[in-house]
Amino acid sequence: MRVAADSIIVMSTQRGASPLAIWSAMASVYVIWGSTYLAIAIAVQTLPPLFSAGLRFSLAGLVLLGFIAARRGLRVERTQLVGASIVGLLLLVGGNGFVVLAERTVPSGLTALIIASVPLWIVIFRRIAGDRIHVSTFIGVAVGFAGVAFLVIGRGATGAVDPIGLGLLLVATVSWALGTFLAPRLRMPRDALLSTGIQQLAGGIVLVGLGAAAGEVTHLEPSTWSTGSLLAMGYLVVFGSLVAFTAYSWLLQNASVSLVATYAYVNPVIAVLLGALILAEPITPSIVLGAAIIVAAVAFIVTREGARQRAARAAAPSGAASEAD
């Protein structure tokens, strides 16, 4: 699961890697995470949504934790385990779980555009928590939500897209944003891979349980699973949950946060293009307009947040106070 811009920007960086290495890693994050929406759409065509999502994250979590255990052993405090598990439930169960359910009826590109509004919700949570938000940031949030409303209300009201699926995506977006907002505020393992392994295993186990409760396990029919869905599932486990996240974790330590944060508004564009090319999802004028509004708003907020953090770090040595905006 991706971490949105609010969490990215609190990370420290250690630059020194070659530009080729950095841009290779960025390309993998752009393309792989941008393509996960397409892969999910293909997977849920014949696979049970909650069970397959749970299996995906459980396998990825076990691989990550097994790798860490073999390298240096698993050492985690109880409070860190609880914190990582809570974040995993919000991101993977409330976030990804509702996404896989929604993508049974909502096009993958439109899904990515709605999920791209996560940074907008994070600003709202920051304000609720007492952070001071600059008026220009609120304007950016308002513009972004206007883009989301344009897509959701317009396409849902006309029946062009299943309104229930759109509603599930809105719930997923809020849960995803809440998990991202809480991640740096809860006691979590310092090791990013360990934290992610716990999050994925915890979320995966609960998703499998929910799939079982919904009857997906008792009604499994492997004979109906298509080759395309199985390949998409494998792609999500290996590339979406392991390869891209490893590249992302490396980038957080070797590239500027402003560069890494660009994935938040590049991924939905890639998702829309792949959905159109591979699944023939329509790119209508309304989708183009809504996409432009959302991506521009998210880009503005992420860029402004990055500038604010750089200014705060520059002022810190002189003891100057910085205002959260």
C-alpha atoms as a PDB file:
ATOM      1  CA  MET A   1       0.000   0.000   0.000  1.00  0.00           C
ATOM      2  CA  ARG A   2       1.264   3.426  -0.904  1.00  0.00           C
ATOM      3  CA  VAL A   3       2.092   6.076   1.676  1.00  0.00           C
ATOM      4  CA  ALA A   4       0.732   9.491   0.684  1.00  0.00           C
ATOM      5  CA  ALA A   5       2.602  12.779   0.616  1.00  0.00           C
ATOM      6  CA  ASP A   6       1.973  13.755   4.253  1.00  0.00           C
ATOM      7  CA  SER A   7       3.958  10.727   5.439  1.00  0.00           C
ATOM      8  CA  ILE A   8       6.609  10.980   2.757  1.00  0.00           C
ATOM      9  CA  ILE A   9       7.579  14.453   3.774  1.00  0.00           C
ATOM     10  CA  VAL A  10       8.365  13.573   7.373  1.00  0.00           C
ATOM     11  CA  MET A  11      10.974  11.066   6.196  1.00  0.00           C
ATOM     12  CA  SER A  12      14.658  11.951   6.225  1.00  0.00           C
ATOM     13  CA  THR A  13      16.795  11.506   3.124  1.00  0.00           C
ATOM     14  CA  GLN A  14      20.380  10.539   2.451  1.00  0.00           C
ATOM     15  CA  ARG A  15      21.371  11.629  -1.031  1.00  0.00           C
ATOM     16  CA  GLY A  16      24.351  10.326  -2.973  1.00  0.00           C
ATOM     17  CA  ALA A  17      22.870   7.733  -5.324  1.00  0.00           C
ATOM     18  CA  SER A  18      23.382   8.164  -9.053  1.00  0.00           C
ATOM     19  CA  PRO A  19      20.675   9.910 -11.092  1.00  0.00           C
ATOM     20  CA  LEU A  20      20.288   6.747 -13.189  1.00  0.00           C
ATOM     21  CA  ALA A  21      19.572   4.640 -10.107  1.00  0.00           C
ATOM     22  CA  ILE A  22      17.143   7.197  -8.720  1.00  0.00           C
ATOM     23  CA  TRP A  23      15.191   7.567 -11.955  1.00  0.00           C
ATOM     24  CA  SER A  24      15.141   3.801 -12.501  1.00  0.00           C
ATOM     25  CA  ALA A  25      13.560   3.394  -9.075  1.00  0.00           C
ATOM     26  CA  MET A  26      11.144   6.264  -9.752  1.00  0.00           C
ATOM     27  CA  ALA A  27      10.133   4.668 -13.048  1.00  0.00           C
ATOM     28  CA  SER A  28       9.338   1.404 -11.288  1.00  0.00           C
ATOM     29  CA  VAL A  29       7.190   3.180  -8.707  1.00  0.00           C
ATOM     30  CA  TYR A  30       5.425   5.227 -11.392  1.00  0.00           C
ATOM     31  CA  VAL A  31       4.682   2.303 -13.702  1.00  0.00           C
ATOM     32  CA  ILE A  32       4.168  -0.558 -11.245  1.00  0.00           C
ATOM     33  CA  TRP A  33       1.996   1.295  -8.753  1.00  0.00           C
ATOM     34  CA  GLY A  34       0.185   3.027 -11.592  1.00  0.00           C
ATOM     35  CA  SER A  35      -0.575  -0.393 -13.082  1.00  0.00           C
ATOM     36  CA  THR A  36      -1.863  -2.026  -9.891  1.00  0.00           C
ATOM     37  CA  TYR A  37      -5.351  -0.629 -10.517  1.00  0.00           C
ATOM     38  CA  LEU A  38      -5.394  -2.384 -13.879  1.00  0.00           C
ATOM     39  CA  ALA A  39      -4.098  -5.605 -12.304  1.00  0.00           C
ATOM     40  CA  ILE A  40      -6.792  -5.476  -9.620  1.00  0.00           C
ATOM     41  CA  ALA A  41      -9.495  -4.970 -12.258  1.00  0.00           C
ATOM     42  CA  ILE A  42      -8.252  -8.066 -14.118  1.00  0.00           C
ATOM     43  CA  ALA A  43      -7.854 -10.135 -10.941  1.00  0.00           C
ATOM     44  CA  VAL A  44     -11.390  -9.535  -9.668  1.00  0.00           C
ATOM     45  CA  GLN A  45     -12.896 -10.583 -13.005  1.00  0.00           C
ATOM     46  CA  THR A  46     -12.796 -14.216 -11.836  1.00  0.00           C
ATOM     47  CA  LEU A  47     -11.090 -14.286  -8.407  1.00  0.00           C
ATOM     48  CA  PRO A  48     -12.990 -13.700  -5.131  1.00  0.00           C
ATOM     49  CA  PRO A  49     -12.094 -10.076  -4.303  1.00  0.00           C
ATOM     50  CA  LEU A  50     -11.548 -10.081  -0.545  1.00  0.00           C
ATOM     51  CA  PHE A  51      -9.956 -13.517  -0.365  1.00  0.00           C
ATOM     52  CA  SER A  52      -7.561 -12.847  -3.248  1.00  0.00           C
ATOM     53  CA  ALA A  53      -6.581  -9.455  -1.797  1.00  0.00           C
ATOM     54  CA  GLY A  54      -6.003 -11.075   1.576  1.00  0.00           C
ATOM     55  CA  LEU A  55      -3.902 -13.807   0.016  1.00  0.00           C
ATOM     56  CA  ARG A  56      -1.874 -11.201  -1.869  1.00  0.00           C
ATOM     57  CA  PHE A  57      -0.958  -9.224   1.234  1.00  0.00           C
ATOM     58  CA  SER A  58      -0.475 -12.269   3.434  1.00  0.00           C
ATOM     59  CA  LEU A  59       2.020 -13.763   0.985  1.00  0.00           C
ATOM     60  CA  ALA A  60       3.850 -10.457   0.565  1.00  0.00           C
ATOM     61  CA  GLY A  61       3.962  -9.933   4.328  1.00  0.00           C
ATOM     62  CA  LEU A  62       5.307 -13.423   4.958  1.00  0.00           C
ATOM     63  CA  VAL A  63       8.010 -12.942   2.311  1.00  0.00           C
ATOM     64  CA  LEU A  64       9.106  -9.622   3.798  1.00  0.00           C
ATOM     65  CA  LEU A  65       9.101 -10.891   7.382  1.00  0.00           C
ATOM     66  CA  GLY A  66      10.843 -14.102   6.351  1.00  0.00           C
ATOM     67  CA  PHE A  67      13.550 -12.106   4.578  1.00  0.00           C
ATOM     68  CA  ILE A  68      14.066  -9.887   7.619  1.00  0.00           C
ATOM     69  CA  ALA A  69      14.123 -12.871   9.980  1.00  0.00           C
ATOM     70  CA  ALA A  70      16.761 -14.618   7.863  1.00  0.00           C
ATOM     71  CA  ARG A  71      18.909 -11.488   7.650  1.00  0.00           C
ATOM     72  CA  ARG A  72      18.816 -10.145  11.206  1.00  0.00           C
ATOM     73  CA  GLY A  73      15.997 -11.743  13.145  1.00  0.00           C
ATOM     74  CA  LEU A  74      12.607 -10.308  14.057  1.00  0.00           C
ATOM     75  CA  ARG A  75      12.609  -7.915  16.985  1.00  0.00           C
ATOM     76  CA  VAL A  76       9.583  -5.725  17.509  1.00  0.00           C
ATOM     77  CA  GLU A  77       7.994  -4.206  20.603  1.00  0.00           C
ATOM     78  CA  ARG A  78       4.384  -4.931  21.394  1.00  0.00           C
ATOM     79  CA  THR A  79       3.358  -1.282  20.970  1.00  0.00           C
ATOM     80  CA  GLN A  80       5.105  -1.180  17.578  1.00  0.00           C
ATOM     81  CA  LEU A  81       3.309  -4.363  16.540  1.00  0.00           C
ATOM     82  CA  VAL A  82      -0.041  -2.864  17.522  1.00  0.00           C
ATOM     83  CA  GLY A  83       0.687   0.432  15.752  1.00  0.00           C
ATOM     84  CA  ALA A  84       1.751  -1.244  12.513  1.00  0.00           C
ATOM     85  CA  SER A  85      -1.254  -3.563  12.640  1.00  0.00           C
ATOM     86  CA  ILE A  86      -3.684  -0.651  13.067  1.00  0.00           C
ATOM     87  CA  VAL A  87      -2.178   1.127  10.073  1.00  0.00           C
ATOM     88  CA  GLY A  88      -2.285  -2.106   8.076  1.00  0.00           C
ATOM     89  CA  LEU A  89      -5.988  -2.553   8.814  1.00  0.00           C
ATOM     90  CA  LEU A  90      -6.796   0.994   7.733  1.00  0.00           C
ATOM     91  CA  LEU A  91      -4.682   0.896   4.588  1.00  0.00           C
ATOM     92  CA  LEU A  92      -5.262  -2.640   3.404  1.00  0.00           C
ATOM     93  CA  VAL A  93      -8.664  -3.627   4.793  1.00  0.00           C
ATOM     94  CA  GLY A  94     -10.478  -0.292   4.772  1.00  0.00           C
ATOM     95  CA  GLY A  95      -8.472   1.030   1.825  1.00  0.00           C
ATOM     96  CA  ASN A  96      -7.524  -1.765  -0.559  1.00  0.00           C
ATOM     97  CA  GLY A  97     -10.390  -4.012   0.549  1.00  0.00           C
ATOM     98  CA  PHE A  98     -12.997  -1.509  -0.615  1.00  0.00           C
ATOM     99  CA  VAL A  99     -10.993  -0.813  -3.768  1.00  0.00           C
ATOM    100  CA  VAL A 100     -11.100  -4.454  -4.878  1.00  0.00           C
ATOM    101  CA  LEU A 101     -14.822  -4.601  -4.162  1.00  0.00           C
ATOM    102  CA  ALA A 102     -15.412  -1.376  -6.100  1.00  0.00           C
ATOM    103  CA  GLU A 103     -13.334  -2.388  -9.117  1.00  0.00           C
ATOM    104  CA  ARG A 104     -15.808  -5.133  -9.942  1.00  0.00           C
ATOM    105  CA  THR A 105     -18.026  -2.380 -11.367  1.00  0.00           C
ATOM    106  CA  VAL A 106     -15.903   0.803 -11.529  1.00  0.00           C
ATOM    107  CA  PRO A 107     -13.240   1.256 -14.253  1.00  0.00           C
ATOM    108  CA  SER A 108      -9.658   1.051 -13.021  1.00  0.00           C
ATOM    109  CA  GLY A 109      -8.714   4.501 -14.325  1.00  0.00           C
ATOM    110  CA  LEU A 110     -11.625   6.202 -12.589  1.00  0.00           C
ATOM    111  CA  THR A 111     -10.757   4.283  -9.421  1.00  0.00           C
ATOM    112  CA  ALA A 112      -7.199   5.616  -9.498  1.00  0.00           C
ATOM    113  CA  LEU A 113      -8.416   9.184  -9.980  1.00  0.00           C
ATOM    114  CA  ILE A 114     -10.700   9.007  -6.954  1.00  0.00           C
ATOM    115  CA  ILE A 115      -7.997   7.392  -4.805  1.00  0.00           C
ATOM    116  CA  ALA A 116      -5.635  10.184  -5.913  1.00  0.00           C
ATOM    117  CA  SER A 117      -7.601  12.474  -3.591  1.00  0.00           C
ATOM    118  CA  VAL A 118      -6.010  10.819  -0.522  1.00  0.00           C
ATOM    119  CA  PRO A 119      -3.637  13.788   0.095  1.00  0.00           C
ATOM    120  CA  LEU A 120      -6.683  16.073   0.184  1.00  0.00           C
ATOM    121  CA  TRP A 121      -8.223  14.077   3.016  1.00  0.00           C
ATOM    122  CA  ILE A 122      -4.907  14.088   4.873  1.00  0.00           C
ATOM    123  CA  VAL A 123      -5.045  17.886   4.995  1.00  0.00           C
ATOM    124  CA  ILE A 124      -8.521  17.618   6.530  1.00  0.00           C
ATOM    125  CA  PHE A 125      -7.262  15.174   9.183  1.00  0.00           C
ATOM    126  CA  ARG A 126      -4.335  17.471   9.928  1.00  0.00           C
ATOM    127  CA  ARG A 127      -6.722  20.347  10.522  1.00  0.00           C
ATOM    128  CA  ILE A 128      -8.918  18.208  12.791  1.00  0.00           C
ATOM    129  CA  ALA A 129      -5.777  17.304  14.753  1.00  0.00           C
ATOM    130  CA  GLY A 130      -5.054  20.996  15.307  1.00  0.00           C
ATOM    131  CA  ASP A 131      -2.487  21.780  12.602  1.00  0.00           C
ATOM    132  CA  ARG A 132      -2.600  25.282  11.163  1.00  0.00           C
ATOM    133  CA  ILE A 133      -3.418  25.083   7.484  1.00  0.00           C
ATOM    134  CA  HIS A 134      -2.654  27.953   5.122  1.00  0.00           C
ATOM    135  CA  VAL A 135      -5.633  29.319   3.239  1.00  0.00           C
ATOM    136  CA  SER A 136      -4.042  28.508  -0.128  1.00  0.00           C
ATOM    137  CA  THR A 137      -3.808  24.850   0.891  1.00  0.00           C
ATOM    138  CA  PHE A 138      -7.512  24.856   1.760  1.00  0.00           C
ATOM    139  CA  ILE A 139      -8.234  26.336  -1.651  1.00  0.00           C
ATOM    140  CA  GLY A 140      -6.249  23.487  -3.223  1.00  0.00           C
ATOM    141  CA  VAL A 141      -8.243  20.963  -1.175  1.00  0.00           C
ATOM    142  CA  ALA A 142     -11.534  22.570  -2.215  1.00  0.00           C
ATOM    143  CA  VAL A 143     -10.534  22.463  -5.884  1.00  0.00           C
ATOM    144  CA  GLY A 144      -9.477  18.828  -5.589  1.00  0.00           C
ATOM    145  CA  PHE A 145     -12.724  17.791  -3.935  1.00  0.00           C
ATOM    146  CA  ALA A 146     -14.619  19.669  -6.636  1.00  0.00           C
ATOM    147  CA  GLY A 147     -12.874  17.439  -9.176  1.00  0.00           C
ATOM    148  CA  VAL A 148     -13.807  14.320  -7.208  1.00  0.00           C
ATOM    149  CA  ALA A 149     -17.418  15.480  -6.896  1.00  0.00           C
ATOM    150  CA  PHE A 150     -17.519  16.214 -10.623  1.00  0.00           C
ATOM    151  CA  LEU A 151     -16.492  12.631 -11.398  1.00  0.00           C
ATOM    152  CA  VAL A 152     -18.486  10.840  -8.687  1.00  0.00           C
ATOM    153  CA  ILE A 153     -21.769  12.764  -8.778  1.00  0.00           C
ATOM    154  CA  GLY A 154     -21.819  13.192 -12.550  1.00  0.00           C
ATOM    155  CA  ARG A 155     -21.077   9.583 -13.458  1.00  0.00           C
ATOM    156  CA  GLY A 156     -23.026   8.077 -10.560  1.00  0.00           C
ATOM    157  CA  ALA A 157     -26.166  10.130 -11.108  1.00  0.00           C
ATOM    158  CA  THR A 158     -26.323   9.343 -14.817  1.00  0.00           C
ATOM    159  CA  GLY A 159     -25.829   5.634 -14.221  1.00  0.00           C
ATOM    160  CA  ALA A 160     -22.646   5.586 -16.292  1.00  0.00           C
ATOM    161  CA  VAL A 161     -20.877   3.973 -13.338  1.00  0.00           C
ATOM    162  CA  ASP A 162     -22.270   1.912 -10.444  1.00  0.00           C
ATOM    163  CA  PRO A 163     -22.991   4.431  -7.632  1.00  0.00           C
ATOM    164  CA  ILE A 164     -22.439   1.764  -4.964  1.00  0.00           C
ATOM    165  CA  GLY A 165     -18.968   1.119  -6.326  1.00  0.00           C
ATOM    166  CA  LEU A 166     -18.254   4.853  -6.272  1.00  0.00           C
ATOM    167  CA  GLY A 167     -19.430   4.990  -2.657  1.00  0.00           C
ATOM    168  CA  LEU A 168     -17.079   2.147  -1.742  1.00  0.00           C
ATOM    169  CA  LEU A 169     -14.211   4.099  -3.281  1.00  0.00           C
ATOM    170  CA  LEU A 170     -14.994   7.152  -1.190  1.00  0.00           C
ATOM    171  CA  VAL A 171     -14.893   5.003   1.958  1.00  0.00           C
ATOM    172  CA  ALA A 172     -11.616   3.470   0.779  1.00  0.00           C
ATOM    173  CA  THR A 173     -10.114   6.907   0.205  1.00  0.00           C
ATOM    174  CA  VAL A 174     -10.980   8.127   3.704  1.00  0.00           C
ATOM    175  CA  SER A 175      -9.650   4.937   5.327  1.00  0.00           C
ATOM    176  CA  TRP A 176      -6.479   5.073   3.236  1.00  0.00           C
ATOM    177  CA  ALA A 177      -5.913   8.699   4.203  1.00  0.00           C
ATOM    178  CA  LEU A 178      -6.560   8.031   7.896  1.00  0.00           C
ATOM    179  CA  GLY A 179      -4.064   5.171   7.921  1.00  0.00           C
ATOM    180  CA  THR A 180      -1.471   7.346   6.210  1.00  0.00           C
ATOM    181  CA  PHE A 181      -2.162  10.213   8.606  1.00  0.00           C
ATOM    182  CA  LEU A 182      -1.802   8.003  11.691  1.00  0.00           C
ATOM    183  CA  ALA A 183       1.313   6.137  10.509  1.00  0.00           C
ATOM    184  CA  PRO A 184       3.877   8.756  11.634  1.00  0.00           C
ATOM    185  CA  ARG A 185       1.858   9.464  14.781  1.00  0.00           C
ATOM    186  CA  LEU A 186       1.707   5.899  16.113  1.00  0.00           C
ATOM    187  CA  ARG A 187       4.593   3.950  17.583  1.00  0.00           C
ATOM    188  CA  MET A 188       5.841   1.926  14.606  1.00  0.00           C
ATOM    189  CA  PRO A 189       8.964  -0.137  13.844  1.00  0.00           C
ATOM    190  CA  ARG A 190      11.789   2.098  12.601  1.00  0.00           C
ATOM    191  CA  ASP A 191      12.620  -0.433   9.896  1.00  0.00           C
ATOM    192  CA  ALA A 192      10.315   0.423   6.971  1.00  0.00           C
ATOM    193  CA  LEU A 193      10.382  -3.130   5.589  1.00  0.00           C
ATOM    194  CA  LEU A 194       9.544  -4.631   8.986  1.00  0.00           C
ATOM    195  CA  SER A 195       6.691  -2.171   9.441  1.00  0.00           C
ATOM    196  CA  THR A 196       5.333  -2.935   5.979  1.00  0.00           C
ATOM    197  CA  GLY A 197       5.637  -6.682   6.507  1.00  0.00           C
ATOM    198  CA  ILE A 198       3.557  -6.431   9.674  1.00  0.00           C
ATOM    199  CA  GLN A 199       1.007  -4.163   7.999  1.00  0.00           C
ATOM    200  CA  GLN A 200       0.607  -6.488   5.028  1.00  0.00           C
ATOM    201  CA  LEU A 201       0.349  -9.649   7.116  1.00  0.00           C
ATOM    202  CA  ALA A 202      -2.151  -8.117   9.554  1.00  0.00           C
ATOM    203  CA  GLY A 203      -4.290  -6.660   6.765  1.00  0.00           C
ATOM    204  CA  GLY A 204      -4.021  -9.830   4.692  1.00  0.00           C
ATOM    205  CA  ILE A 205      -5.176 -12.086   7.513  1.00  0.00           C
ATOM    206  CA  VAL A 206      -8.215  -9.892   8.215  1.00  0.00           C
ATOM    207  CA  LEU A 207      -9.110  -9.699   4.512  1.00  0.00           C
ATOM    208  CA  VAL A 208      -8.960 -13.498   4.230  1.00  0.00           C
ATOM    209  CA  GLY A 209     -11.209 -13.690   7.291  1.00  0.00           C
ATOM    210  CA  LEU A 210     -13.679 -11.226   5.785  1.00  0.00           C
ATOM    211  CA  GLY A 211     -13.650 -13.189   2.548  1.00  0.00           C
ATOM    212  CA  ALA A 212     -14.458 -16.330   4.498  1.00  0.00           C
ATOM    213  CA  ALA A 213     -17.262 -14.569   6.386  1.00  0.00           C
ATOM    214  CA  ALA A 214     -18.696 -13.380   3.069  1.00  0.00           C
ATOM    215  CA  GLY A 215     -18.766 -16.956   1.780  1.00  0.00           C
ATOM    216  CA  GLU A 216     -15.938 -16.516  -0.714  1.00  0.00           C
ATOM    217  CA  VAL A 217     -13.876 -19.373   0.729  1.00  0.00           C
ATOM    218  CA  THR A 218     -16.696 -21.924   0.881  1.00  0.00           C
ATOM    219  CA  HIS A 219     -17.686 -21.135  -2.705  1.00  0.00           C
ATOM    220  CA  LEU A 220     -14.221 -21.212  -4.264  1.00  0.00           C
ATOM    221  CA  GLU A 221     -14.335 -22.574  -7.818  1.00  0.00           C
ATOM    222  CA  PRO A 222     -10.764 -22.743  -9.171  1.00  0.00           C
ATOM    223  CA  SER A 223     -12.066 -24.001 -12.497  1.00  0.00           C
ATOM    224  CA  THR A 224     -13.598 -20.567 -13.115  1.00  0.00           C
ATOM    225  CA  TRP A 225     -10.375 -18.660 -12.456  1.00  0.00           C
ATOM    226  CA  SER A 226      -8.952 -17.268 -15.665  1.00  0.00           C
ATOM    227  CA  THR A 227      -5.276 -17.295 -16.552  1.00  0.00           C
ATOM    228  CA  GLY A 228      -5.376 -13.516 -16.789  1.00  0.00           C
ATOM    229  CA  SER A 229      -6.709 -13.161 -13.241  1.00  0.00           C
ATOM    230  CA  LEU A 230      -4.088 -15.529 -11.843  1.00  0.00           C
ATOM    231  CA  LEU A 231      -1.286 -13.699 -13.655  1.00  0.00           C
ATOM    232  CA  ALA A 232      -2.634 -10.380 -12.369  1.00  0.00           C
ATOM    233  CA  MET A 233      -2.648 -11.809  -8.852  1.00  0.00           C
ATOM    234  CA  GLY A 234       0.968 -12.911  -9.197  1.00  0.00           C
ATOM    235  CA  TYR A 235       1.892  -9.482 -10.550  1.00  0.00           C
ATOM    236  CA  LEU A 236       0.281  -7.773  -7.554  1.00  0.00           C
ATOM    237  CA  VAL A 237       2.167  -9.953  -5.084  1.00  0.00           C
ATOM    238  CA  VAL A 238       5.604  -9.820  -6.701  1.00  0.00           C
ATOM    239  CA  PHE A 239       5.687  -6.397  -8.305  1.00  0.00           C
ATOM    240  CA  GLY A 240       2.989  -4.351  -6.581  1.00  0.00           C
ATOM    241  CA  SER A 241       3.696  -5.452  -3.001  1.00  0.00           C
ATOM    242  CA  LEU A 242       7.399  -6.357  -3.111  1.00  0.00           C
ATOM    243  CA  VAL A 243       9.406  -4.839  -5.986  1.00  0.00           C
ATOM    244  CA  ALA A 244       7.792  -1.388  -6.087  1.00  0.00           C
ATOM    245  CA  PHE A 245       7.740  -0.992  -2.332  1.00  0.00           C
ATOM    246  CA  THR A 246      11.419  -1.935  -2.077  1.00  0.00           C
ATOM    247  CA  ALA A 247      12.210   0.723  -4.686  1.00  0.00           C
ATOM    248  CA  TYR A 248      10.013   3.195  -2.815  1.00  0.00           C
ATOM    249  CA  SER A 249      11.721   2.503   0.512  1.00  0.00           C
ATOM    250  CA  TRP A 250      15.136   2.944  -1.129  1.00  0.00           C
ATOM    251  CA  LEU A 251      14.034   6.233  -2.692  1.00  0.00           C
ATOM    252  CA  LEU A 252      12.986   7.607   0.683  1.00  0.00           C
ATOM    253  CA  GLN A 253      16.609   7.251   1.775  1.00  0.00           C
ATOM    254  CA  ASN A 254      18.316   8.376  -1.421  1.00  0.00           C
ATOM    255  CA  ALA A 255      16.154  10.914  -3.258  1.00  0.00           C
ATOM    256  CA  SER A 256      14.536  14.226  -2.414  1.00  0.00           C
ATOM    257  CA  VAL A 257      11.105  13.915  -0.860  1.00  0.00           C
ATOM    258  CA  SER A 258       9.669  16.364  -3.401  1.00  0.00           C
ATOM    259  CA  LEU A 259      10.688  14.002  -6.189  1.00  0.00           C
ATOM    260  CA  VAL A 260       9.391  10.866  -4.468  1.00  0.00           C
ATOM    261  CA  ALA A 261       6.063  12.583  -3.746  1.00  0.00           C
ATOM    262  CA  THR A 262       5.393  13.038  -7.457  1.00  0.00           C
ATOM    263  CA  TYR A 263       4.093   9.456  -7.592  1.00  0.00           C
ATOM    264  CA  ALA A 264       0.873  10.762  -5.991  1.00  0.00           C
ATOM    265  CA  TYR A 265      -0.127  12.541  -9.176  1.00  0.00           C
ATOM    266  CA  VAL A 266       1.705  10.460 -11.781  1.00  0.00           C
ATOM    267  CA  ASN A 267       0.148   7.097 -10.802  1.00  0.00           C
ATOM    268  CA  PRO A 268      -3.469   8.032 -11.645  1.00  0.00           C
ATOM    269  CA  VAL A 269      -2.475   9.307 -15.081  1.00  0.00           C
ATOM    270  CA  ILE A 270      -0.697   6.020 -15.838  1.00  0.00           C
ATOM    271  CA  ALA A 271      -3.684   4.073 -14.499  1.00  0.00           C
ATOM    272  CA  VAL A 272      -6.099   5.917 -16.799  1.00  0.00           C
ATOM    273  CA  LEU A 273      -3.896   5.340 -19.846  1.00  0.00           C
ATOM    274  CA  LEU A 274      -3.374   1.627 -19.104  1.00  0.00           C
ATOM    275  CA  GLY A 275      -7.085   1.103 -18.471  1.00  0.00           C
ATOM    276  CA  ALA A 276      -7.867   2.659 -21.847  1.00  0.00           C
ATOM    277  CA  LEU A 277      -5.165   0.752 -23.726  1.00  0.00           C
ATOM    278  CA  ILE A 278      -5.687  -2.705 -22.226  1.00  0.00           C
ATOM    279  CA  LEU A 279      -9.291  -2.817 -21.023  1.00  0.00           C
ATOM    280  CA  ALA A 280     -10.694  -0.283 -23.509  1.00  0.00           C
ATOM    281  CA  GLU A 281     -12.005   1.884 -20.688  1.00  0.00           C
ATOM    282  CA  PRO A 282     -13.398   5.099 -22.183  1.00  0.00           C
ATOM    283  CA  ILE A 283     -11.574   8.373 -21.677  1.00  0.00           C
ATOM    284  CA  THR A 284     -14.394  10.885 -21.961  1.00  0.00           C
ATOM    285  CA  PRO A 285     -14.079  14.683 -21.819  1.00  0.00           C
ATOM    286  CA  SER A 286     -15.559  14.618 -18.305  1.00  0.00           C
ATOM    287  CA  ILE A 287     -12.880  12.160 -17.135  1.00  0.00           C
ATOM    288  CA  VAL A 288     -10.145  14.294 -18.664  1.00  0.00           C
ATOM    289  CA  LEU A 289     -11.510  17.417 -16.965  1.00  0.00           C
ATOM    290  CA  GLY A 290     -11.983  15.705 -13.601  1.00  0.00           C
ATOM    291  CA  ALA A 291      -8.519  14.166 -13.826  1.00  0.00           C
ATOM    292  CA  ALA A 292      -6.948  17.537 -14.611  1.00  0.00           C
ATOM    293  CA  ILE A 293      -8.649  19.165 -11.617  1.00  0.00           C
ATOM    294  CA  ILE A 294      -7.693  16.412  -9.147  1.00  0.00           C
ATOM    295  CA  VAL A 295      -4.113  15.965 -10.355  1.00  0.00           C
ATOM    296  CA  ALA A 296      -3.495  19.734 -10.391  1.00  0.00           C
ATOM    297  CA  ALA A 297      -4.853  20.114  -6.854  1.00  0.00           C
ATOM    298  CA  VAL A 298      -2.826  17.194  -5.503  1.00  0.00           C
ATOM    299  CA  ALA A 299       0.316  18.433  -7.259  1.00  0.00           C
ATOM    300  CA  PHE A 300      -0.190  21.888  -5.752  1.00  0.00           C
ATOM    301  CA  ILE A 301      -0.643  20.554  -2.217  1.00  0.00           C
ATOM    302  CA  VAL A 302       2.258  18.093  -2.411  1.00  0.00           C
ATOM    303  CA  THR A 303       4.572  20.752  -3.868  1.00  0.00           C
ATOM    304  CA  ARG A 304       3.533  23.320  -1.276  1.00  0.00           C
ATOM    305  CA  GLU A 305       4.024  20.843   1.568  1.00  0.00           C
ATOM    306  CA  GLY A 306       7.491  20.003   0.285  1.00  0.00           C
ATOM    307  CA  ALA A 307       8.408  23.707   0.157  1.00  0.00           C
ATOM    308  CA  ARG A 308       7.076  24.193   3.683  1.00  0.00           C
ATOM    309  CA  GLN A 309       9.163  21.330   5.048  1.00  0.00           C
ATOM    310  CA  ARG A 310      12.319  22.605   3.347  1.00  0.00           C
ATOM    311  CA  ALA A 311      11.735  26.060   4.799  1.00  0.00           C
ATOM    312  CA  ALA A 312      11.178  24.574   8.262  1.00  0.00           C
ATOM    313  CA  ARG A 313      14.426  22.585   8.073  1.00  0.00           C
ATOM    314  CA  ALA A 314      16.328  25.673   6.925  1.00  0.00           C
ATOM    315  CA  ALA A 315      14.946  27.697   9.824  1.00  0.00           C
ATOM    316  CA  ALA A 316      15.510  25.006  12.464  1.00  0.00           C
ATOM    317  CA  PRO A 317      19.260  25.661  13.103  1.00  0.00           C
ATOM    318  CA  SER A 318      18.581  29.311  13.910  1.00  0.00           C
ATOM    319  CA  GLY A 319      15.776  28.364  16.237  1.00  0.00           C
ATOM    320  CA  ALA A 320      13.154  30.045  14.121  1.00  0.00           C
ATOM    321  CA  ALA A 321       9.650  28.733  14.589  1.00  0.00           C
ATOM    322  CA  SER A 322       7.876  27.415  11.551  1.00  0.00           C
ATOM    323  CA  GLU A 323       4.183  27.592  10.917  1.00  0.00           C
ATOM    324  CA  ALA A 324       2.413  24.501   9.669  1.00  0.00           C
ATOM    325  CA  ASP A 325       0.538  25.259   6.489  1.00  0.00           C
END
